[in-house]
Protein backbone atom coordinates (compact mmCIF):
# COMPACT_ATOMS: atom_id res chain seq x y z
CA UNK A 1 -96.38 83.19 62.57
CA UNK A 2 -98.48 80.70 60.97
CA UNK A 3 -102.20 82.33 60.20
CA UNK A 4 -104.48 79.65 60.76
CA UNK A 5 -106.82 78.04 57.89
CA UNK A 6 -109.91 79.42 59.31
CA UNK A 7 -108.10 82.86 59.23
CA UNK A 8 -106.75 82.32 55.95
CA UNK A 9 -110.51 81.05 54.58
CA UNK A 10 -112.27 84.29 56.77
CA UNK A 11 -109.95 86.46 55.20
CA UNK A 12 -110.43 84.96 51.23
CA UNK A 13 -114.22 85.51 51.70
CA UNK A 14 -114.08 88.70 53.16
CA UNK A 15 -111.59 90.84 51.33
CA UNK A 16 -112.71 93.40 48.66
CA UNK A 17 -108.60 93.03 46.42
CA UNK A 18 -105.21 91.49 47.30
CA UNK A 19 -104.93 94.93 50.43
CA UNK A 20 -105.15 94.47 54.08
CA UNK A 21 -103.85 95.83 57.21
CA UNK A 22 -102.59 94.11 59.94
CA UNK A 23 -103.42 95.90 63.49
CA UNK A 24 -101.64 94.67 66.42
CA UNK A 25 -101.60 96.59 70.08
CA UNK A 26 -97.64 97.33 70.96
CA UNK A 27 -98.55 95.04 73.75
CA UNK A 28 -98.97 92.07 72.35
CA UNK A 29 -96.15 92.19 70.12
CA UNK A 30 -92.75 90.33 71.91
CA UNK A 31 -89.63 91.59 70.86
CA UNK A 32 -86.62 89.47 70.24
CA UNK A 33 -82.68 90.77 70.41
CA UNK A 34 -82.32 86.74 69.02
CA UNK A 35 -83.77 84.86 66.29
CA UNK A 36 -86.64 83.38 67.48
CA UNK A 37 -89.03 80.87 65.28
CA UNK A 38 -91.24 82.70 62.92
CA UNK A 39 -89.73 86.70 63.45
CA UNK A 40 -90.03 88.96 61.69
CA UNK A 41 -86.78 90.82 61.41
CA UNK A 42 -86.55 94.87 62.36
CA UNK A 43 -84.39 97.62 63.10
CA UNK A 44 -84.28 100.23 65.85
CA UNK A 45 -85.92 103.35 65.60
CA UNK A 46 -86.48 104.48 69.11
CA UNK A 47 -86.85 103.20 72.42
CA UNK A 48 -88.87 105.06 75.24
CA UNK A 49 -88.71 103.63 78.50
CA UNK A 50 -91.90 105.02 80.46
CA UNK A 51 -90.96 103.20 83.71
CA UNK A 52 -92.77 99.62 83.92
CA UNK A 53 -91.75 98.82 80.22
CA UNK A 54 -89.67 100.16 76.92
CA UNK A 55 -91.89 101.17 73.91
CA UNK A 56 -89.75 99.92 71.05
CA UNK A 57 -90.48 101.62 67.53
CA UNK A 58 -88.85 99.32 64.92
CA UNK A 59 -88.51 99.00 61.45
CA UNK A 60 -89.67 96.66 59.14
CA UNK A 61 -89.17 98.27 55.28
CA UNK A 62 -90.66 102.12 55.80
CA UNK A 63 -93.30 100.82 58.29
CA UNK A 64 -92.86 101.41 61.82
CA UNK A 65 -94.31 99.02 63.89
CA UNK A 66 -94.05 100.08 68.36
CA UNK A 67 -93.92 96.82 70.83
CA UNK A 68 -94.09 97.19 74.26
CA UNK A 69 -91.14 95.69 76.10
CA UNK A 70 -89.99 94.63 79.17
CA UNK A 71 -88.10 97.03 80.86
CA UNK A 72 -84.48 95.56 81.11
CA UNK A 73 -85.05 95.70 77.64
CA UNK A 74 -82.34 97.55 75.68
CA UNK A 75 -81.27 97.89 72.15
CA UNK A 76 -79.57 100.67 69.94
CA UNK A 77 -80.40 102.80 67.14
CA UNK A 78 -80.44 100.32 64.00
CA UNK A 79 -79.92 97.17 65.69
CA UNK A 80 -81.92 93.86 64.28
CA UNK A 81 -84.88 92.67 66.41
CA UNK A 82 -87.57 89.91 65.62
CA UNK A 83 -90.76 90.74 66.56
CA UNK A 84 -93.41 88.08 67.29
CA UNK A 85 -96.84 88.05 68.00
CA UNK A 86 -100.17 85.66 68.85
CA UNK A 87 -102.87 85.79 65.44
CA UNK A 88 -105.41 84.84 68.00
CA UNK A 89 -104.47 88.97 69.10
CA UNK A 90 -104.26 90.29 64.82
CA UNK A 91 -106.71 92.84 63.43
CA UNK A 92 -106.77 92.69 59.71
CA UNK A 93 -108.50 94.75 57.93
CA UNK A 94 -109.66 96.06 54.78
CA UNK A 95 -107.09 98.49 52.33
CA UNK A 96 -109.96 99.32 50.33
CA UNK A 97 -113.30 99.89 52.61
CA UNK A 98 -111.42 99.53 55.98
CA UNK A 99 -113.72 96.91 57.53
CA UNK A 100 -112.45 94.82 59.63
CA UNK A 101 -112.48 91.39 58.69
CA UNK A 102 -110.65 89.77 62.12
């Protein structure tokens, strides 16, 4: 999920420091049990079937990420998965000021 030069420039120009918060809605995340290009490796923490979909809680280090998957998605605790998202659907916040950058 390469960052576009335009987004990189906006972040560089508007961030007050080096710490940022990345925001991606669960429905904008994709979960795969197979390695995918630019996928972020994570470990399954919880699977929550909710009828028309499954909410997947995955750990990246100490951070929990939520993703919405197809209702047929199955995994077990600590299975490795790969997360991707469309960078056009992400939000970036300045951690220090809370300001929305993108």
